[in-house]
Amino acid sequence: MKQRTSLAVALVPLCVGLALTAGPTYAGPTATKSTTFAFKTSGFGTRVIGGQVPVGSATTGYQVIGCTNQAGRSRTNNVAEATLPGLGTASGIRTHVWTSSRKGVVASHSTHSIAKVVLAQGQLGSLSLDAITSRVTAFHDSTGFHATTSTRIGGLSFTPPVGPAQSFPAPTPDQPLTIPGLATIYAGQHVTRHSATSATANAFALRIDVIPTGTSLRLAHSFAELSSGLTGGIFSGRSAATHVVTAAGDIVRSGPNPLSTMPCQGTYGKNREKSLASVDLGGQLIVKGARSQERGSQGTDRARGTSRAEVARVELGGQLVIDGIVGKASVSRDGRQVTKSANGTVLGRVTVGGQEQTFPKTGVLEIPGIAKLERRVVTRTHDGIRVIGLRITLLDGSGAVIDLAEASLAIRHLPH
């Protein structure tokens, strides 16, 4: 059973949080070097979630290196002081993300540090946290893929409305710290994964649940990922059966669902699939048989992949029924030559009141008072293609827009 430390306990000396440490360290910037590994890394200082959170107060000190095969890249983001709306302040926020390749060890790194966080809630007193850090590394050496994480907090004190400041030990996974009426502080999470083809390290130092506002504050988050097999191109793409682009009237807001994303190195030729039996989008709009799928593979100086989404049936208010919607985006890259295709994007049958409808050559079918249907909406880019099997715009006065069977895929050139 988890225990909880509170102000009711006797004062104890301040202690430093436990850390898990290993892996390669940073030895300063170097020239970039092409590899066959896919690097990805990011970090941020603070993130406020839920409760009474003003718009725009999500993250501070965010920095990222997206998918790349280049070792020797380095980015920082330093913030002297940031206001946490309705909560307090954070100062000395520093994020550093980088990639490296030295002496047979290839790695993605992320570190974050916060000099001080002060949470003040008026008559309840104030909470001060000092020297908060997190560090993660995903790396590959002669024995394979590995991942390490470490977090640390230098000091934690509470200043009551009356009387001197009181110091407390850092929370542990089994023993959070509660300050009645103000906050509960939890030790951050550490997640590491590794396999024969990749490694992931993810950690944040602390989570603080602020009682008066009902918000949750995460401090010092670091993420790193490393994968093998980046030899023919850099993938990006996703697929989803449904996506409410514009919510209005009785149609509820909904992002891509079920969402499948293409890893930047591909899927090593395996299908990655998600499915839902049905999705209720509101407004009597029911989607059945929703499925999304990604597949990508690489060879020497070549890469191929597909993103595919499908909907078995859509029903709108018992009047409009659409069967067999498929969106498929296919891309292949051979060196600098890219081929893109929407072949396989199809629409089965559309019936209104039991009567089958035929699309005109324009590809747009308008059903007065019900919906405008646009089939096979295709957008091409330099490196890829985006396909929407069917776009529905409701004509009930709401103007809601729903994309069904959307799929996108791009394969960028791999620097050598």
Protein backbone atom coordinates (compact mmCIF):
# COMPACT_ATOMS: atom_id res chain seq x y z
CA MET A 1 0.00 0.00 0.00
CA LYS A 2 1.36 3.41 -0.93
CA GLN A 3 2.14 5.76 1.93
CA ARG A 4 1.78 9.50 1.81
CA THR A 5 3.94 12.04 3.60
CA SER A 6 2.20 15.18 4.87
CA LEU A 7 2.92 18.18 7.03
CA ALA A 8 1.65 16.22 10.01
CA VAL A 9 4.89 14.21 10.11
CA ALA A 10 7.98 15.38 11.97
CA LEU A 11 10.50 17.40 10.01
CA VAL A 12 13.24 15.34 8.41
CA PRO A 13 16.44 16.40 6.63
CA LEU A 14 16.15 17.15 2.95
CA CYS A 15 17.25 14.25 0.76
CA VAL A 16 18.13 13.96 -2.89
CA GLY A 17 15.94 11.83 -5.15
CA LEU A 18 17.28 8.49 -6.33
CA ALA A 19 18.63 8.36 -9.88
CA LEU A 20 19.24 5.66 -12.47
CA THR A 21 22.31 6.57 -14.49
CA ALA A 22 24.20 4.97 -17.35
CA GLY A 23 24.93 5.41 -21.01
CA PRO A 24 27.10 7.79 -23.03
CA THR A 25 27.57 11.39 -21.97
CA TYR A 26 27.81 14.66 -23.89
CA ALA A 27 31.30 15.83 -24.81
CA GLY A 28 30.53 19.02 -26.72
CA PRO A 29 29.35 19.72 -30.28
CA THR A 30 30.82 17.84 -33.25
CA ALA A 31 30.34 17.91 -37.00
CA THR A 32 27.24 16.06 -38.22
CA LYS A 33 27.70 12.52 -39.47
CA SER A 34 25.29 10.38 -41.49
CA THR A 35 24.31 7.04 -39.98
CA THR A 36 21.85 4.22 -40.64
CA PHE A 37 20.06 5.00 -37.34
CA ALA A 38 16.91 7.06 -36.83
CA PHE A 39 17.32 9.63 -34.03
CA LYS A 40 14.43 11.39 -32.29
CA THR A 41 14.55 13.41 -29.07
CA SER A 42 12.64 16.13 -27.20
CA GLY A 43 12.18 17.80 -23.82
CA PHE A 44 10.33 20.52 -21.93
CA GLY A 45 10.44 22.20 -18.53
CA THR A 46 6.86 22.49 -17.35
CA ARG A 47 3.48 21.36 -18.60
CA VAL A 48 0.15 22.19 -16.97
CA ILE A 49 -2.72 19.77 -17.64
CA GLY A 50 -6.43 19.93 -16.83
CA GLY A 51 -8.32 21.90 -14.23
CA GLN A 52 -8.40 25.68 -14.38
CA VAL A 53 -5.72 26.05 -17.08
CA PRO A 54 -5.75 29.21 -19.24
CA VAL A 55 -5.24 28.74 -22.97
CA GLY A 56 -1.56 28.87 -23.97
CA SER A 57 -0.10 27.68 -20.64
CA ALA A 58 0.75 24.16 -21.82
CA THR A 59 4.56 23.88 -22.00
CA THR A 60 7.71 25.90 -21.35
CA GLY A 61 11.23 25.39 -22.66
CA TYR A 62 10.15 22.91 -25.35
CA GLN A 63 12.78 21.69 -27.82
CA VAL A 64 12.87 18.81 -30.31
CA ILE A 65 15.01 17.09 -32.91
CA GLY A 66 12.65 15.28 -35.29
CA CYS A 67 13.48 12.09 -37.11
CA THR A 68 16.99 12.33 -38.62
CA ASN A 69 19.91 10.07 -39.47
CA GLN A 70 22.43 12.77 -38.57
CA ALA A 71 24.61 12.32 -35.48
CA GLY A 72 26.18 15.48 -34.08
CA ARG A 73 23.01 17.61 -34.11
CA SER A 74 22.32 19.73 -31.02
CA ARG A 75 19.55 22.12 -29.96
CA THR A 76 18.81 24.06 -26.78
CA ASN A 77 15.98 26.15 -25.38
CA ASN A 78 16.60 28.25 -22.28
CA VAL A 79 13.98 30.34 -20.47
CA ALA A 80 15.05 32.69 -17.67
CA GLU A 81 11.63 32.81 -16.01
CA ALA A 82 8.13 31.69 -16.88
CA THR A 83 4.77 32.34 -15.25
CA LEU A 84 2.59 29.32 -14.55
CA PRO A 85 -0.83 30.99 -14.77
CA GLY A 86 -2.75 30.64 -11.54
CA LEU A 87 0.01 28.51 -9.99
CA GLY A 88 3.31 30.36 -9.59
CA THR A 89 6.63 30.72 -11.41
CA ALA A 90 9.46 28.61 -12.81
CA SER A 91 12.97 29.97 -13.36
CA GLY A 92 16.23 28.78 -14.91
CA ILE A 93 14.54 26.44 -17.41
CA ARG A 94 17.10 24.70 -19.65
CA THR A 95 16.48 22.05 -22.31
CA HIS A 96 19.21 20.37 -24.35
CA VAL A 97 18.61 17.66 -26.97
CA TRP A 98 21.32 16.13 -29.16
CA THR A 99 22.47 13.14 -31.20
CA SER A 100 25.90 11.54 -31.14
CA SER A 101 28.13 8.83 -32.60
CA ARG A 102 31.45 8.16 -30.86
CA LYS A 103 33.68 5.12 -30.51
CA GLY A 104 31.03 2.71 -31.77
CA VAL A 105 28.22 4.12 -29.59
CA VAL A 106 25.31 5.88 -31.35
CA ALA A 107 22.81 7.74 -29.16
CA SER A 108 19.87 10.13 -28.81
CA HIS A 109 20.01 12.33 -25.69
CA SER A 110 17.71 14.71 -23.83
CA THR A 111 18.35 16.61 -20.62
CA HIS A 112 16.30 19.17 -18.76
CA SER A 113 16.89 21.25 -15.67
CA ILE A 114 14.83 23.78 -13.72
CA ALA A 115 16.60 25.96 -11.16
CA LYS A 116 13.47 26.74 -9.13
CA VAL A 117 9.70 26.36 -9.11
CA VAL A 118 7.56 28.31 -6.65
CA LEU A 119 3.88 27.52 -6.21
CA ALA A 120 2.03 30.14 -4.18
CA GLN A 121 -1.62 29.91 -3.13
CA GLY A 122 -2.15 33.00 -0.96
CA GLN A 123 -3.12 32.16 2.59
CA LEU A 124 -2.16 28.51 2.12
CA GLY A 125 1.54 29.38 1.94
CA SER A 126 4.05 28.60 -0.81
CA LEU A 127 5.91 25.55 -2.04
CA SER A 128 9.46 25.82 -3.40
CA LEU A 129 11.32 23.14 -5.39
CA ASP A 130 14.98 23.57 -6.36
CA ALA A 131 17.43 21.98 -8.82
CA ILE A 132 15.04 19.67 -10.67
CA THR A 133 16.66 17.63 -13.45
CA SER A 134 15.94 14.77 -15.81
CA ARG A 135 18.17 12.99 -18.29
CA VAL A 136 17.47 10.16 -20.75
CA THR A 137 19.54 8.35 -23.36
CA ALA A 138 18.62 5.78 -26.01
CA PHE A 139 21.75 4.23 -27.50
CA HIS A 140 23.27 1.37 -29.45
CA ASP A 141 26.65 -0.20 -28.79
CA SER A 142 28.41 -3.47 -29.58
CA THR A 143 25.89 -5.42 -27.47
CA GLY A 144 22.71 -3.91 -28.96
CA PHE A 145 20.11 -1.29 -28.03
CA HIS A 146 19.77 0.16 -24.53
CA ALA A 147 17.89 2.95 -22.73
CA THR A 148 18.64 4.78 -19.48
CA THR A 149 16.87 7.44 -17.42
CA SER A 150 17.69 9.54 -14.37
CA THR A 151 15.88 12.25 -12.39
CA ARG A 152 16.85 14.31 -9.36
CA ILE A 153 15.51 17.05 -7.11
CA GLY A 154 17.89 19.16 -5.04
CA GLY A 155 15.53 20.66 -2.49
CA LEU A 156 11.88 20.88 -1.45
CA SER A 157 10.48 23.28 1.14
CA PHE A 158 7.15 24.69 2.30
CA THR A 159 6.69 28.18 3.74
CA PRO A 160 3.48 28.40 5.79
CA PRO A 161 1.55 31.67 6.16
CA VAL A 162 3.09 32.04 9.62
CA GLY A 163 6.44 30.69 10.72
CA PRO A 164 9.71 29.55 9.13
CA ALA A 165 10.14 27.44 6.01
CA GLN A 166 10.10 23.66 6.47
CA SER A 167 12.17 21.21 4.43
CA PHE A 168 10.94 17.81 3.28
CA PRO A 169 12.41 14.75 1.57
CA ALA A 170 11.82 14.25 -2.11
CA PRO A 171 8.85 11.96 -2.85
CA THR A 172 9.47 8.39 -3.93
CA PRO A 173 7.30 6.17 -6.18
CA ASP A 174 5.73 4.62 -3.07
CA GLN A 175 5.55 7.72 -0.90
CA PRO A 176 4.17 10.96 -2.38
CA LEU A 177 4.25 14.16 -0.35
CA THR A 178 0.98 15.93 0.52
CA ILE A 179 0.70 19.53 1.70
CA PRO A 180 -2.92 19.79 2.90
CA GLY A 181 -5.02 22.16 0.83
CA LEU A 182 -2.14 23.05 -1.49
CA ALA A 183 -0.63 20.15 -3.44
CA THR A 184 0.37 16.50 -3.64
CA ILE A 185 3.81 15.80 -5.11
CA TYR A 186 4.61 12.51 -6.85
CA ALA A 187 7.92 11.11 -8.07
CA GLY A 188 8.08 11.24 -11.84
CA GLN A 189 7.77 8.25 -14.12
CA HIS A 190 10.64 6.40 -15.81
CA VAL A 191 9.89 4.33 -18.92
CA THR A 192 12.51 2.44 -20.93
CA ARG A 193 12.03 0.00 -23.79
CA HIS A 194 14.50 -1.78 -26.01
CA SER A 195 14.40 -4.49 -28.65
CA ALA A 196 16.57 -5.85 -31.43
CA THR A 197 15.70 -2.82 -33.59
CA SER A 198 15.11 0.16 -31.27
CA ALA A 199 15.31 1.77 -27.84
CA THR A 200 13.15 4.41 -26.12
CA ALA A 201 13.77 6.38 -22.91
CA ASN A 202 11.13 8.65 -21.38
CA ALA A 203 11.10 10.36 -17.98
CA PHE A 204 9.87 13.39 -16.06
CA ALA A 205 11.15 14.41 -12.64
CA LEU A 206 7.99 15.30 -10.73
CA ARG A 207 4.21 15.49 -10.98
CA ILE A 208 2.41 18.00 -8.80
CA ASP A 209 -1.37 17.90 -8.39
CA VAL A 210 -2.42 21.38 -7.31
CA ILE A 211 -5.48 21.02 -5.08
CA PRO A 212 -7.10 24.51 -5.28
CA THR A 213 -7.07 24.62 -9.12
CA GLY A 214 -7.49 20.91 -9.90
CA THR A 215 -4.51 21.06 -12.27
CA SER A 216 -1.59 18.70 -12.73
CA LEU A 217 1.94 20.07 -13.30
CA ARG A 218 4.69 17.95 -14.83
CA LEU A 219 8.27 19.08 -14.37
CA ALA A 220 11.48 18.36 -16.34
CA HIS A 221 10.41 15.97 -19.11
CA SER A 222 12.97 14.28 -21.36
CA PHE A 223 12.44 11.82 -24.26
CA ALA A 224 14.87 9.99 -26.56
CA GLU A 225 14.42 7.32 -29.23
CA LEU A 226 16.84 5.46 -31.48
CA SER A 227 15.96 2.94 -34.20
CA SER A 228 17.90 0.97 -36.81
CA GLY A 229 17.32 0.48 -40.52
CA LEU A 230 17.23 4.05 -41.83
CA THR A 231 18.84 3.30 -45.21
CA GLY A 232 16.47 4.46 -47.95
CA GLY A 233 14.47 7.46 -46.72
CA ILE A 234 12.73 9.13 -43.79
CA PHE A 235 9.05 8.21 -43.41
CA SER A 236 6.26 10.41 -42.11
CA GLY A 237 2.57 9.69 -42.33
CA ARG A 238 -0.60 8.62 -40.63
CA SER A 239 -4.02 7.09 -41.26
CA ALA A 240 -7.40 7.43 -39.59
CA ALA A 241 -10.91 6.22 -40.37
CA THR A 242 -12.66 9.34 -39.04
CA HIS A 243 -11.67 12.96 -38.43
CA VAL A 244 -14.12 15.70 -37.46
CA VAL A 245 -12.43 18.67 -39.15
CA THR A 246 -15.11 21.19 -38.14
CA ALA A 247 -17.42 20.37 -35.24
CA ALA A 248 -20.78 22.11 -35.22
CA GLY A 249 -24.37 21.49 -34.25
CA ASP A 250 -24.75 18.00 -32.79
CA ILE A 251 -21.46 16.73 -34.26
CA VAL A 252 -18.92 16.32 -31.45
CA ARG A 253 -15.29 17.39 -31.72
CA SER A 254 -13.04 14.47 -32.58
CA GLY A 255 -9.49 14.16 -33.86
CA PRO A 256 -8.22 11.36 -36.13
CA ASN A 257 -9.62 8.06 -34.90
CA PRO A 258 -8.40 5.32 -34.69
CA LEU A 259 -5.07 6.97 -35.45
CA SER A 260 -2.10 4.99 -36.76
CA THR A 261 1.22 6.80 -37.29
CA MET A 262 4.15 5.74 -39.42
CA PRO A 263 7.47 5.48 -37.55
CA CYS A 264 10.21 7.47 -39.26
CA GLN A 265 12.13 4.28 -40.06
CA GLY A 266 9.00 2.48 -41.30
CA THR A 267 7.57 -0.73 -39.85
CA TYR A 268 10.23 -3.17 -41.09
CA GLY A 269 7.70 -4.46 -43.62
CA LYS A 270 5.06 -5.40 -41.04
CA ASN A 271 1.45 -4.19 -40.95
CA ARG A 272 0.56 -1.98 -37.98
CA GLU A 273 -3.20 -1.78 -37.62
CA LYS A 274 -5.87 -0.32 -35.35
CA SER A 275 -9.61 -0.86 -35.54
CA LEU A 276 -12.90 0.13 -33.90
CA ALA A 277 -16.22 -1.68 -34.33
CA SER A 278 -18.16 1.60 -34.32
CA VAL A 279 -17.76 5.33 -33.71
CA ASP A 280 -20.60 7.67 -32.71
CA LEU A 281 -19.81 11.17 -33.96
CA GLY A 282 -23.07 12.66 -32.70
CA GLY A 283 -25.85 14.17 -34.78
CA GLN A 284 -27.10 10.65 -35.67
CA LEU A 285 -23.86 10.06 -37.60
CA ILE A 286 -22.66 6.51 -36.95
CA VAL A 287 -19.49 4.98 -38.38
CA LYS A 288 -19.06 1.19 -38.43
CA GLY A 289 -15.99 -0.89 -39.18
CA ALA A 290 -13.30 1.78 -38.73
CA ARG A 291 -9.74 0.69 -39.47
CA SER A 292 -6.32 2.31 -40.03
CA GLN A 293 -3.06 0.73 -41.15
CA GLU A 294 0.61 1.58 -41.78
CA ARG A 295 3.32 -0.40 -43.55
CA GLY A 296 6.81 0.69 -44.62
CA SER A 297 10.10 -0.97 -45.50
CA GLN A 298 13.59 0.14 -46.47
CA GLY A 299 16.50 -1.15 -48.49
CA THR A 300 19.74 0.36 -49.68
CA ASP A 301 18.86 3.80 -51.08
CA ARG A 302 15.20 2.85 -51.50
CA ALA A 303 12.04 2.88 -49.37
CA ARG A 304 8.39 1.95 -49.92
CA GLY A 305 5.26 2.30 -47.85
CA THR A 306 1.49 2.62 -47.65
CA SER A 307 -0.96 4.32 -45.32
CA ARG A 308 -4.49 2.99 -45.53
CA ALA A 309 -7.79 3.73 -43.78
CA GLU A 310 -11.25 2.33 -44.32
CA VAL A 311 -14.83 2.64 -43.13
CA ALA A 312 -17.23 -0.24 -43.72
CA ARG A 313 -20.42 1.83 -43.36
CA VAL A 314 -21.64 5.33 -42.49
CA GLU A 315 -25.22 6.04 -41.48
CA LEU A 316 -26.68 9.53 -41.13
CA GLY A 317 -30.10 9.76 -39.52
CA GLY A 318 -31.40 6.68 -41.28
CA GLN A 319 -31.56 8.60 -44.59
CA LEU A 320 -28.01 8.51 -45.91
CA VAL A 321 -26.02 5.26 -45.99
CA ILE A 322 -22.52 4.95 -47.46
CA ASP A 323 -20.66 1.65 -47.78
CA GLY A 324 -17.04 0.73 -48.51
CA ILE A 325 -14.93 3.89 -48.07
CA VAL A 326 -11.19 3.37 -48.50
CA GLY A 327 -8.36 5.90 -48.58
CA LYS A 328 -4.90 4.67 -49.55
CA ALA A 329 -1.65 6.61 -49.96
CA SER A 330 1.35 4.80 -51.47
CA VAL A 331 4.85 6.23 -51.85
CA SER A 332 8.11 4.74 -53.08
CA ARG A 333 11.51 6.37 -53.18
CA ASP A 334 14.52 5.20 -55.17
CA GLY A 335 17.32 7.63 -54.43
CA ARG A 336 15.93 11.03 -55.35
CA GLN A 337 13.06 9.69 -57.46
CA VAL A 338 9.68 9.61 -55.70
CA THR A 339 6.52 7.90 -56.95
CA LYS A 340 3.16 8.71 -55.32
CA SER A 341 -0.19 7.06 -55.84
CA ALA A 342 -3.77 7.13 -54.56
CA ASN A 343 -4.61 3.83 -56.27
CA GLY A 344 -6.82 1.73 -54.03
CA THR A 345 -8.84 4.74 -52.87
CA VAL A 346 -12.42 3.70 -53.55
CA LEU A 347 -16.00 4.43 -52.57
CA GLY A 348 -18.61 1.68 -52.63
CA ARG A 349 -22.31 2.53 -52.64
CA VAL A 350 -24.22 5.66 -51.60
CA THR A 351 -27.95 5.37 -50.94
CA VAL A 352 -30.49 7.99 -49.88
CA GLY A 353 -33.83 6.70 -48.68
CA GLY A 354 -32.93 3.32 -50.17
CA GLN A 355 -32.18 4.78 -53.64
CA GLU A 356 -28.64 4.36 -54.94
CA GLN A 357 -26.91 7.60 -55.96
CA THR A 358 -24.36 8.20 -58.72
CA PHE A 359 -21.50 10.68 -58.47
CA PRO A 360 -21.13 13.18 -61.31
CA LYS A 361 -17.79 13.57 -63.09
CA THR A 362 -16.88 16.42 -60.74
CA GLY A 363 -16.60 13.93 -57.88
CA VAL A 364 -18.99 16.03 -55.76
CA LEU A 365 -22.49 14.81 -54.94
CA GLU A 366 -24.90 17.17 -53.19
CA ILE A 367 -27.94 15.81 -51.40
CA PRO A 368 -30.17 18.83 -50.68
CA GLY A 369 -30.77 19.49 -47.00
CA ILE A 370 -28.58 16.54 -45.95
CA ALA A 371 -24.94 16.65 -47.05
CA LYS A 372 -22.39 17.45 -49.71
CA LEU A 373 -20.14 14.47 -50.50
CA GLU A 374 -16.64 14.85 -52.02
CA ARG A 375 -14.92 11.62 -52.92
CA ARG A 376 -11.20 10.94 -53.45
CA VAL A 377 -9.77 14.26 -52.24
CA VAL A 378 -6.05 14.08 -53.13
CA THR A 379 -3.22 16.48 -52.25
CA ARG A 380 0.30 15.88 -53.56
CA THR A 381 3.50 17.24 -52.01
CA HIS A 382 7.13 17.12 -53.06
CA ASP A 383 7.82 13.94 -51.08
CA GLY A 384 4.40 12.38 -50.66
CA ILE A 385 0.63 12.36 -50.94
CA ARG A 386 -2.48 12.85 -48.79
CA VAL A 387 -5.77 11.14 -49.58
CA ILE A 388 -9.28 11.49 -48.15
CA GLY A 389 -11.65 8.72 -49.20
CA LEU A 390 -14.76 10.83 -48.56
CA ARG A 391 -15.38 14.32 -47.17
CA ILE A 392 -18.84 15.02 -45.80
CA THR A 393 -20.12 18.58 -45.28
CA LEU A 394 -23.47 18.65 -43.51
CA LEU A 395 -26.15 20.85 -45.07
CA ASP A 396 -28.37 20.99 -42.00
CA GLY A 397 -27.21 24.52 -41.24
CA SER A 398 -24.34 23.45 -38.97
CA GLY A 399 -21.67 23.26 -41.69
CA ALA A 400 -19.86 20.44 -39.85
CA VAL A 401 -17.08 18.79 -41.92
CA ILE A 402 -16.07 15.14 -41.45
CA ASP A 403 -13.24 13.41 -43.30
CA LEU A 404 -13.52 9.64 -43.65
CA ALA A 405 -10.72 7.22 -44.57
CA GLU A 406 -7.87 9.72 -44.57
CA ALA A 407 -4.31 8.59 -45.24
CA SER A 408 -1.06 10.43 -45.79
CA LEU A 409 2.51 9.37 -46.43
CA ALA A 410 5.79 11.03 -47.36
CA ILE A 411 9.33 9.69 -47.66
CA ARG A 412 12.03 12.36 -47.43
CA HIS A 413 15.45 12.02 -48.97
CA LEU A 414 18.03 10.55 -46.63
CA PRO A 415 21.15 12.74 -46.31
CA HIS A 416 24.38 10.86 -47.00
